[in-house]
Amino acid sequence: MAFTRATGKHRRPSGVHRTTARAAGVAALATTGVVGTLAAPALAAEPEVEQSGLTPVVTIGDSIADEIDAQALAQKQAAADAAAREAAREAARERAAEAAKEAREAKERAAREAERKRLNTFVAPITASYVSTAYQAGSSLWSSGSHTGIDFHASSGTAVHAMGVGTVVETGWGGAYGNQVVIKMHDGTYTQYGHLSSIGVSVGQSVEPGQQIGLSGATGNVTGPHLHFEARTSPEYGSDMDPVAYLRSHGVNV
């Protein structure tokens, strides 16, 4: 007896798997690169999805999902570490800038202090000497009838010093004063050094406290070698003031 084989278009239902809730985001993670390095080998072991005409859903195991989570956590930690390193670098830059500012300010303070000290340093015109003729002493030796300065005892050739910071405004022959140097001091007053045997500075030159400006001598109207010193309110004769008081007001005891 012949049997007739059943015919028809009935097919066995497709074996497409459903993914777990955790695996549902795999496609999204793949687009960010999180599963870039393990997607190919990890999913290769999974069974192929049957071509059913339906949209396939990839099923992954817990171990792969854990690896994805670990990679995401590692990327998050790497970003946090990079941010921390940048913050540390910025803090270091700020500390360096602050240290540079403090160093600059300290240098400026030191420079101001050094300048203040320089401007307030004064010395006697002749070292280890004494006043041999007082201010306004009377005598026929002087055309005005009185001494317009003070004389410091000094043998010819003794070093004569600028008493403070200033600028030379006059040098050369000064009549009765012989060879002279006149200096405008930084405070606007003037000092004069007369009867010099030689002059060591020139007009316009800046001088420092204690700088040698010439040598004592006996040029001009004198009876012997010495240094004639005057303090003045202007560079001109007749503007003299008490040189002893002037020197003492600047800390120089004579």
C-alpha atoms as a PDB file:
ATOM      1  CA  MET A   1       0.000   0.000   0.000  1.00  0.00           C
ATOM      2  CA  ALA A   2       1.336   3.306  -0.917  1.00  0.00           C
ATOM      3  CA  PHE A   3       1.630   6.087   1.597  1.00  0.00           C
ATOM      4  CA  THR A   4       1.293   9.636   0.583  1.00  0.00           C
ATOM      5  CA  ARG A   5       3.953  11.999   2.083  1.00  0.00           C
ATOM      6  CA  ALA A   6       2.510  14.983   3.803  1.00  0.00           C
ATOM      7  CA  THR A   7       3.172  18.206   1.977  1.00  0.00           C
ATOM      8  CA  GLY A   8       2.890  21.775   3.002  1.00  0.00           C
ATOM      9  CA  LYS A   9       4.869  24.898   3.894  1.00  0.00           C
ATOM     10  CA  HIS A  10       4.918  24.483   7.609  1.00  0.00           C
ATOM     11  CA  ARG A  11       8.378  25.171   9.081  1.00  0.00           C
ATOM     12  CA  ARG A  12       9.774  24.810  12.503  1.00  0.00           C
ATOM     13  CA  PRO A  13       9.653  28.058  14.505  1.00  0.00           C
ATOM     14  CA  SER A  14      12.874  30.137  14.621  1.00  0.00           C
ATOM     15  CA  GLY A  15      15.212  29.659  17.560  1.00  0.00           C
ATOM     16  CA  VAL A  16      15.979  33.376  18.160  1.00  0.00           C
ATOM     17  CA  HIS A  17      17.060  33.996  21.784  1.00  0.00           C
ATOM     18  CA  ARG A  18      15.937  36.817  23.987  1.00  0.00           C
ATOM     19  CA  THR A  19      18.615  38.880  25.659  1.00  0.00           C
ATOM     20  CA  THR A  20      18.778  39.708  29.319  1.00  0.00           C
ATOM     21  CA  ALA A  21      18.111  43.258  30.550  1.00  0.00           C
ATOM     22  CA  ARG A  22      21.860  43.783  31.056  1.00  0.00           C
ATOM     23  CA  ALA A  23      22.709  42.803  27.457  1.00  0.00           C
ATOM     24  CA  ALA A  24      20.128  45.090  25.955  1.00  0.00           C
ATOM     25  CA  GLY A  25      22.631  48.011  25.985  1.00  0.00           C
ATOM     26  CA  VAL A  26      25.424  46.163  24.176  1.00  0.00           C
ATOM     27  CA  ALA A  27      24.758  47.900  20.882  1.00  0.00           C
ATOM     28  CA  ALA A  28      24.958  51.293  22.574  1.00  0.00           C
ATOM     29  CA  LEU A  29      28.186  50.387  24.358  1.00  0.00           C
ATOM     30  CA  ALA A  30      29.666  49.119  21.101  1.00  0.00           C
ATOM     31  CA  THR A  31      29.166  52.539  19.508  1.00  0.00           C
ATOM     32  CA  THR A  32      31.254  54.180  22.295  1.00  0.00           C
ATOM     33  CA  GLY A  33      34.113  51.717  21.960  1.00  0.00           C
ATOM     34  CA  VAL A  34      33.596  50.091  25.371  1.00  0.00           C
ATOM     35  CA  VAL A  35      33.293  46.584  23.892  1.00  0.00           C
ATOM     36  CA  GLY A  36      35.439  47.317  20.886  1.00  0.00           C
ATOM     37  CA  THR A  37      38.274  44.989  21.831  1.00  0.00           C
ATOM     38  CA  LEU A  38      36.252  42.016  23.029  1.00  0.00           C
ATOM     39  CA  ALA A  39      33.125  42.041  20.883  1.00  0.00           C
ATOM     40  CA  ALA A  40      34.579  40.074  18.000  1.00  0.00           C
ATOM     41  CA  PRO A  41      36.239  37.181  19.890  1.00  0.00           C
ATOM     42  CA  ALA A  42      33.667  37.052  22.655  1.00  0.00           C
ATOM     43  CA  LEU A  43      30.632  36.905  20.426  1.00  0.00           C
ATOM     44  CA  ALA A  44      32.265  34.568  17.953  1.00  0.00           C
ATOM     45  CA  ALA A  45      31.661  31.687  20.337  1.00  0.00           C
ATOM     46  CA  GLU A  46      27.961  32.423  20.523  1.00  0.00           C
ATOM     47  CA  PRO A  47      25.661  30.493  18.167  1.00  0.00           C
ATOM     48  CA  GLU A  48      24.783  32.187  14.950  1.00  0.00           C
ATOM     49  CA  VAL A  49      21.462  33.883  14.827  1.00  0.00           C
ATOM     50  CA  GLU A  50      19.094  32.107  12.517  1.00  0.00           C
ATOM     51  CA  GLN A  51      18.039  34.175   9.556  1.00  0.00           C
ATOM     52  CA  SER A  52      14.337  34.431  10.096  1.00  0.00           C
ATOM     53  CA  GLY A  53      13.616  37.790   8.638  1.00  0.00           C
ATOM     54  CA  LEU A  54      13.202  39.172  12.119  1.00  0.00           C
ATOM     55  CA  THR A  55      15.612  41.656  13.757  1.00  0.00           C
ATOM     56  CA  PRO A  56      18.149  39.471  15.637  1.00  0.00           C
ATOM     57  CA  VAL A  57      18.970  40.129  19.249  1.00  0.00           C
ATOM     58  CA  VAL A  58      22.450  39.252  20.514  1.00  0.00           C
ATOM     59  CA  THR A  59      22.528  37.201  23.665  1.00  0.00           C
ATOM     60  CA  ILE A  60      25.607  37.524  25.910  1.00  0.00           C
ATOM     61  CA  GLY A  61      26.584  35.742  29.040  1.00  0.00           C
ATOM     62  CA  ASP A  62      27.179  37.204  32.488  1.00  0.00           C
ATOM     63  CA  SER A  63      30.969  36.968  32.114  1.00  0.00           C
ATOM     64  CA  ILE A  64      30.979  39.182  29.012  1.00  0.00           C
ATOM     65  CA  ALA A  65      28.625  41.654  30.636  1.00  0.00           C
ATOM     66  CA  ASP A  66      30.948  41.812  33.631  1.00  0.00           C
ATOM     67  CA  GLU A  67      33.873  42.545  31.312  1.00  0.00           C
ATOM     68  CA  ILE A  68      31.876  45.349  29.698  1.00  0.00           C
ATOM     69  CA  ASP A  69      31.092  46.798  33.112  1.00  0.00           C
ATOM     70  CA  ALA A  70      34.777  46.549  34.057  1.00  0.00           C
ATOM     71  CA  GLN A  71      35.850  48.376  30.902  1.00  0.00           C
ATOM     72  CA  ALA A  72      33.290  51.113  31.479  1.00  0.00           C
ATOM     73  CA  LEU A  73      34.504  51.483  35.064  1.00  0.00           C
ATOM     74  CA  ALA A  74      38.126  51.583  33.885  1.00  0.00           C
ATOM     75  CA  GLN A  75      37.337  54.330  31.377  1.00  0.00           C
ATOM     76  CA  LYS A  76      35.537  56.296  34.053  1.00  0.00           C
ATOM     77  CA  GLN A  77      38.497  55.878  36.419  1.00  0.00           C
ATOM     78  CA  ALA A  78      40.953  56.876  33.672  1.00  0.00           C
ATOM     79  CA  ALA A  79      38.957  60.054  33.038  1.00  0.00           C
ATOM     80  CA  ALA A  80      38.919  60.822  36.750  1.00  0.00           C
ATOM     81  CA  ASP A  81      42.697  60.218  36.981  1.00  0.00           C
ATOM     82  CA  ALA A  82      43.326  62.513  33.993  1.00  0.00           C
ATOM     83  CA  ALA A  83      41.210  65.235  35.593  1.00  0.00           C
ATOM     84  CA  ALA A  84      43.110  64.817  38.863  1.00  0.00           C
ATOM     85  CA  ARG A  85      46.470  65.063  37.068  1.00  0.00           C
ATOM     86  CA  GLU A  86      45.374  68.235  35.272  1.00  0.00           C
ATOM     87  CA  ALA A  87      44.167  69.725  38.562  1.00  0.00           C
ATOM     88  CA  ALA A  88      47.530  68.882  40.132  1.00  0.00           C
ATOM     89  CA  ARG A  89      49.382  70.503  37.235  1.00  0.00           C
ATOM     90  CA  GLU A  90      47.231  73.627  37.508  1.00  0.00           C
ATOM     91  CA  ALA A  91      47.853  73.787  41.258  1.00  0.00           C
ATOM     92  CA  ALA A  92      51.596  73.434  40.624  1.00  0.00           C
ATOM     93  CA  ARG A  93      51.474  76.260  38.072  1.00  0.00           C
ATOM     94  CA  GLU A  94      49.632  78.459  40.540  1.00  0.00           C
ATOM     95  CA  ARG A  95      52.176  77.692  43.279  1.00  0.00           C
ATOM     96  CA  ALA A  96      55.040  78.453  40.898  1.00  0.00           C
ATOM     97  CA  ALA A  97      53.436  81.734  39.863  1.00  0.00           C
ATOM     98  CA  GLU A  98      52.893  82.688  43.506  1.00  0.00           C
ATOM     99  CA  ALA A  99      56.484  81.779  44.392  1.00  0.00           C
ATOM    100  CA  ALA A 100      57.764  83.850  41.454  1.00  0.00           C
ATOM    101  CA  LYS A 101      55.615  86.779  42.557  1.00  0.00           C
ATOM    102  CA  GLU A 102      56.906  86.544  46.122  1.00  0.00           C
ATOM    103  CA  ALA A 103      60.508  86.332  44.894  1.00  0.00           C
ATOM    104  CA  ARG A 104      59.981  89.362  42.644  1.00  0.00           C
ATOM    105  CA  GLU A 105      58.436  91.361  45.470  1.00  0.00           C
ATOM    106  CA  ALA A 106      61.249  90.367  47.819  1.00  0.00           C
ATOM    107  CA  LYS A 107      63.796  91.466  45.221  1.00  0.00           C
ATOM    108  CA  GLU A 108      62.012  94.788  44.772  1.00  0.00           C
ATOM    109  CA  ARG A 109      61.897  95.332  48.531  1.00  0.00           C
ATOM    110  CA  ALA A 110      65.596  94.559  48.795  1.00  0.00           C
ATOM    111  CA  ALA A 111      66.348  96.990  45.965  1.00  0.00           C
ATOM    112  CA  ARG A 112      64.288  99.719  47.622  1.00  0.00           C
ATOM    113  CA  GLU A 113      66.006  99.110  50.936  1.00  0.00           C
ATOM    114  CA  ALA A 114      69.437  99.183  49.291  1.00  0.00           C
ATOM    115  CA  GLU A 115      68.573 102.453  47.545  1.00  0.00           C
ATOM    116  CA  ARG A 116      67.223 103.957  50.756  1.00  0.00           C
ATOM    117  CA  LYS A 117      70.405 102.955  52.548  1.00  0.00           C
ATOM    118  CA  ARG A 118      72.557 104.365  49.746  1.00  0.00           C
ATOM    119  CA  LEU A 119      70.737 107.701  49.763  1.00  0.00           C
ATOM    120  CA  ASN A 120      71.032 107.955  53.533  1.00  0.00           C
ATOM    121  CA  THR A 121      74.724 107.107  53.801  1.00  0.00           C
ATOM    122  CA  PHE A 122      77.030 110.052  54.536  1.00  0.00           C
ATOM    123  CA  VAL A 123      80.702 110.273  55.395  1.00  0.00           C
ATOM    124  CA  ALA A 124      83.178 112.938  56.436  1.00  0.00           C
ATOM    125  CA  PRO A 125      85.009 114.601  53.506  1.00  0.00           C
ATOM    126  CA  ILE A 126      88.359 113.754  55.115  1.00  0.00           C
ATOM    127  CA  THR A 127      88.895 110.512  57.018  1.00  0.00           C
ATOM    128  CA  ALA A 128      90.242 110.704  60.588  1.00  0.00           C
ATOM    129  CA  SER A 129      90.588 114.494  60.557  1.00  0.00           C
ATOM    130  CA  TYR A 130      89.258 117.402  62.580  1.00  0.00           C
ATOM    131  CA  VAL A 131      87.983 120.954  62.069  1.00  0.00           C
ATOM    132  CA  SER A 132      90.929 123.339  62.213  1.00  0.00           C
ATOM    133  CA  THR A 133      88.965 126.535  61.408  1.00  0.00           C
ATOM    134  CA  ALA A 134      85.342 126.989  62.459  1.00  0.00           C
ATOM    135  CA  TYR A 135      82.397 128.291  60.460  1.00  0.00           C
ATOM    136  CA  GLN A 136      82.048 132.129  60.453  1.00  0.00           C
ATOM    137  CA  ALA A 137      85.397 132.608  62.157  1.00  0.00           C
ATOM    138  CA  GLY A 138      86.488 136.244  61.640  1.00  0.00           C
ATOM    139  CA  SER A 139      89.717 137.153  59.850  1.00  0.00           C
ATOM    140  CA  SER A 140      91.095 139.562  57.255  1.00  0.00           C
ATOM    141  CA  LEU A 141      92.097 136.486  55.247  1.00  0.00           C
ATOM    142  CA  TRP A 142      88.550 136.227  53.855  1.00  0.00           C
ATOM    143  CA  SER A 143      87.002 138.860  51.608  1.00  0.00           C
ATOM    144  CA  SER A 144      83.645 138.580  53.364  1.00  0.00           C
ATOM    145  CA  GLY A 145      85.281 139.096  56.756  1.00  0.00           C
ATOM    146  CA  SER A 146      84.176 135.699  58.041  1.00  0.00           C
ATOM    147  CA  HIS A 147      84.754 132.071  57.164  1.00  0.00           C
ATOM    148  CA  THR A 148      82.004 130.720  54.891  1.00  0.00           C
ATOM    149  CA  GLY A 149      82.839 127.082  55.574  1.00  0.00           C
ATOM    150  CA  ILE A 150      85.021 124.895  57.782  1.00  0.00           C
ATOM    151  CA  ASP A 151      88.586 123.756  57.258  1.00  0.00           C
ATOM    152  CA  PHE A 152      89.608 120.149  57.778  1.00  0.00           C
ATOM    153  CA  HIS A 153      93.188 119.537  58.794  1.00  0.00           C
ATOM    154  CA  ALA A 154      94.914 117.605  55.991  1.00  0.00           C
ATOM    155  CA  SER A 155      98.359 117.416  54.481  1.00  0.00           C
ATOM    156  CA  SER A 156      98.694 117.901  50.746  1.00  0.00           C
ATOM    157  CA  GLY A 157      97.653 114.795  48.771  1.00  0.00           C
ATOM    158  CA  THR A 158      95.121 113.464  51.296  1.00  0.00           C
ATOM    159  CA  ALA A 159      92.089 111.773  49.681  1.00  0.00           C
ATOM    160  CA  VAL A 160      88.955 113.935  49.629  1.00  0.00           C
ATOM    161  CA  HIS A 161      85.592 112.126  49.497  1.00  0.00           C
ATOM    162  CA  ALA A 162      82.080 113.008  48.406  1.00  0.00           C
ATOM    163  CA  MET A 163      80.041 113.095  51.598  1.00  0.00           C
ATOM    164  CA  GLY A 164      76.967 111.508  49.984  1.00  0.00           C
ATOM    165  CA  VAL A 165      75.102 110.663  46.786  1.00  0.00           C
ATOM    166  CA  GLY A 166      75.102 113.496  44.278  1.00  0.00           C
ATOM    167  CA  THR A 167      76.033 114.908  40.888  1.00  0.00           C
ATOM    168  CA  VAL A 168      79.071 117.044  40.133  1.00  0.00           C
ATOM    169  CA  VAL A 169      77.946 120.470  38.895  1.00  0.00           C
ATOM    170  CA  GLU A 170      81.234 122.398  38.932  1.00  0.00           C
ATOM    171  CA  THR A 171      84.956 121.654  38.814  1.00  0.00           C
ATOM    172  CA  GLY A 172      88.119 123.650  38.183  1.00  0.00           C
ATOM    173  CA  TRP A 173      89.558 126.926  39.348  1.00  0.00           C
ATOM    174  CA  GLY A 174      87.424 128.833  41.834  1.00  0.00           C
ATOM    175  CA  GLY A 175      89.495 131.974  42.524  1.00  0.00           C
ATOM    176  CA  ALA A 176      90.251 132.210  46.255  1.00  0.00           C
ATOM    177  CA  TYR A 177      89.038 128.608  46.609  1.00  0.00           C
ATOM    178  CA  GLY A 178      91.725 127.358  44.235  1.00  0.00           C
ATOM    179  CA  ASN A 179      90.859 124.055  42.579  1.00  0.00           C
ATOM    180  CA  GLN A 180      87.351 123.117  43.690  1.00  0.00           C
ATOM    181  CA  VAL A 181      84.525 120.640  43.216  1.00  0.00           C
ATOM    182  CA  VAL A 182      80.853 121.503  43.784  1.00  0.00           C
ATOM    183  CA  ILE A 183      78.329 118.666  44.119  1.00  0.00           C
ATOM    184  CA  LYS A 184      74.550 118.831  44.073  1.00  0.00           C
ATOM    185  CA  MET A 185      73.369 116.367  46.708  1.00  0.00           C
ATOM    186  CA  HIS A 186      70.333 114.130  46.151  1.00  0.00           C
ATOM    187  CA  ASP A 187      68.304 116.228  48.635  1.00  0.00           C
ATOM    188  CA  GLY A 188      68.853 119.406  46.580  1.00  0.00           C
ATOM    189  CA  THR A 189      71.564 120.963  48.759  1.00  0.00           C
ATOM    190  CA  TYR A 190      75.145 121.574  47.602  1.00  0.00           C
ATOM    191  CA  THR A 191      78.587 120.792  49.010  1.00  0.00           C
ATOM    192  CA  GLN A 192      81.861 122.444  48.024  1.00  0.00           C
ATOM    193  CA  TYR A 193      85.423 121.118  48.380  1.00  0.00           C
ATOM    194  CA  GLY A 194      88.189 123.726  47.952  1.00  0.00           C
ATOM    195  CA  HIS A 195      91.982 124.199  47.760  1.00  0.00           C
ATOM    196  CA  LEU A 196      92.447 120.815  46.051  1.00  0.00           C
ATOM    197  CA  SER A 197      95.823 119.831  44.626  1.00  0.00           C
ATOM    198  CA  SER A 198      94.078 117.673  42.005  1.00  0.00           C
ATOM    199  CA  ILE A 199      90.533 116.945  40.830  1.00  0.00           C
ATOM    200  CA  GLY A 200      89.338 113.404  40.070  1.00  0.00           C
ATOM    201  CA  VAL A 201      85.786 113.968  38.779  1.00  0.00           C
ATOM    202  CA  SER A 202      84.068 115.871  35.983  1.00  0.00           C
ATOM    203  CA  VAL A 203      80.864 117.891  35.604  1.00  0.00           C
ATOM    204  CA  GLY A 204      77.786 115.688  35.195  1.00  0.00           C
ATOM    205  CA  GLN A 205      79.349 112.706  36.924  1.00  0.00           C
ATOM    206  CA  SER A 206      77.360 110.901  39.624  1.00  0.00           C
ATOM    207  CA  VAL A 207      79.179 110.209  42.867  1.00  0.00           C
ATOM    208  CA  GLU A 208      78.594 107.824  45.758  1.00  0.00           C
ATOM    209  CA  PRO A 209      79.189 108.288  49.494  1.00  0.00           C
ATOM    210  CA  GLY A 210      82.898 108.030  50.230  1.00  0.00           C
ATOM    211  CA  GLN A 211      83.942 108.168  46.560  1.00  0.00           C
ATOM    212  CA  GLN A 212      87.261 109.953  46.087  1.00  0.00           C
ATOM    213  CA  ILE A 213      86.788 113.191  44.146  1.00  0.00           C
ATOM    214  CA  GLY A 214      90.253 114.719  44.494  1.00  0.00           C
ATOM    215  CA  LEU A 215      93.263 115.339  46.734  1.00  0.00           C
ATOM    216  CA  SER A 216      93.697 118.052  49.325  1.00  0.00           C
ATOM    217  CA  GLY A 217      96.229 120.811  48.702  1.00  0.00           C
ATOM    218  CA  ALA A 218      97.053 124.484  49.098  1.00  0.00           C
ATOM    219  CA  THR A 219      95.725 126.084  45.911  1.00  0.00           C
ATOM    220  CA  GLY A 220      94.001 129.478  46.036  1.00  0.00           C
ATOM    221  CA  ASN A 221      93.996 131.824  49.035  1.00  0.00           C
ATOM    222  CA  VAL A 222      95.591 129.707  51.797  1.00  0.00           C
ATOM    223  CA  THR A 223      98.373 129.776  54.368  1.00  0.00           C
ATOM    224  CA  GLY A 224      98.919 126.001  54.194  1.00  0.00           C
ATOM    225  CA  PRO A 225      97.395 122.751  52.904  1.00  0.00           C
ATOM    226  CA  HIS A 226      93.929 121.814  54.140  1.00  0.00           C
ATOM    227  CA  LEU A 227      90.417 121.085  52.828  1.00  0.00           C
ATOM    228  CA  HIS A 228      87.876 123.885  52.755  1.00  0.00           C
ATOM    229  CA  PHE A 229      84.350 122.427  52.978  1.00  0.00           C
ATOM    230  CA  GLU A 230      81.085 124.325  52.538  1.00  0.00           C
ATOM    231  CA  ALA A 231      77.386 123.385  52.668  1.00  0.00           C
ATOM    232  CA  ARG A 232      75.164 125.589  50.499  1.00  0.00           C
ATOM    233  CA  THR A 233      71.557 126.043  49.444  1.00  0.00           C
ATOM    234  CA  SER A 234      72.696 126.775  45.868  1.00  0.00           C
ATOM    235  CA  PRO A 235      75.952 126.300  43.934  1.00  0.00           C
ATOM    236  CA  GLU A 236      76.761 130.003  44.286  1.00  0.00           C
ATOM    237  CA  TYR A 237      78.981 131.772  46.760  1.00  0.00           C
ATOM    238  CA  GLY A 238      77.012 133.453  49.558  1.00  0.00           C
ATOM    239  CA  SER A 239      74.392 130.697  49.977  1.00  0.00           C
ATOM    240  CA  ASP A 240      76.397 128.980  52.700  1.00  0.00           C
ATOM    241  CA  MET A 241      74.917 127.357  55.812  1.00  0.00           C
ATOM    242  CA  ASP A 242      76.536 125.932  58.934  1.00  0.00           C
ATOM    243  CA  PRO A 243      78.535 122.936  57.631  1.00  0.00           C
ATOM    244  CA  VAL A 244      78.945 121.347  61.066  1.00  0.00           C
ATOM    245  CA  ALA A 245      75.189 121.355  61.659  1.00  0.00           C
ATOM    246  CA  TYR A 246      74.687 120.115  58.100  1.00  0.00           C
ATOM    247  CA  LEU A 247      77.081 117.205  58.571  1.00  0.00           C
ATOM    248  CA  ARG A 248      75.607 116.275  61.930  1.00  0.00           C
ATOM    249  CA  SER A 249      72.063 116.366  60.520  1.00  0.00           C
ATOM    250  CA  HIS A 250      73.248 113.656  58.116  1.00  0.00           C
ATOM    251  CA  GLY A 251      74.787 111.547  60.867  1.00  0.00           C
ATOM    252  CA  VAL A 252      78.404 112.691  60.429  1.00  0.00           C
ATOM    253  CA  ASN A 253      80.042 113.716  63.708  1.00  0.00           C
ATOM    254  CA  VAL A 254      82.768 116.371  63.436  1.00  0.00           C
END
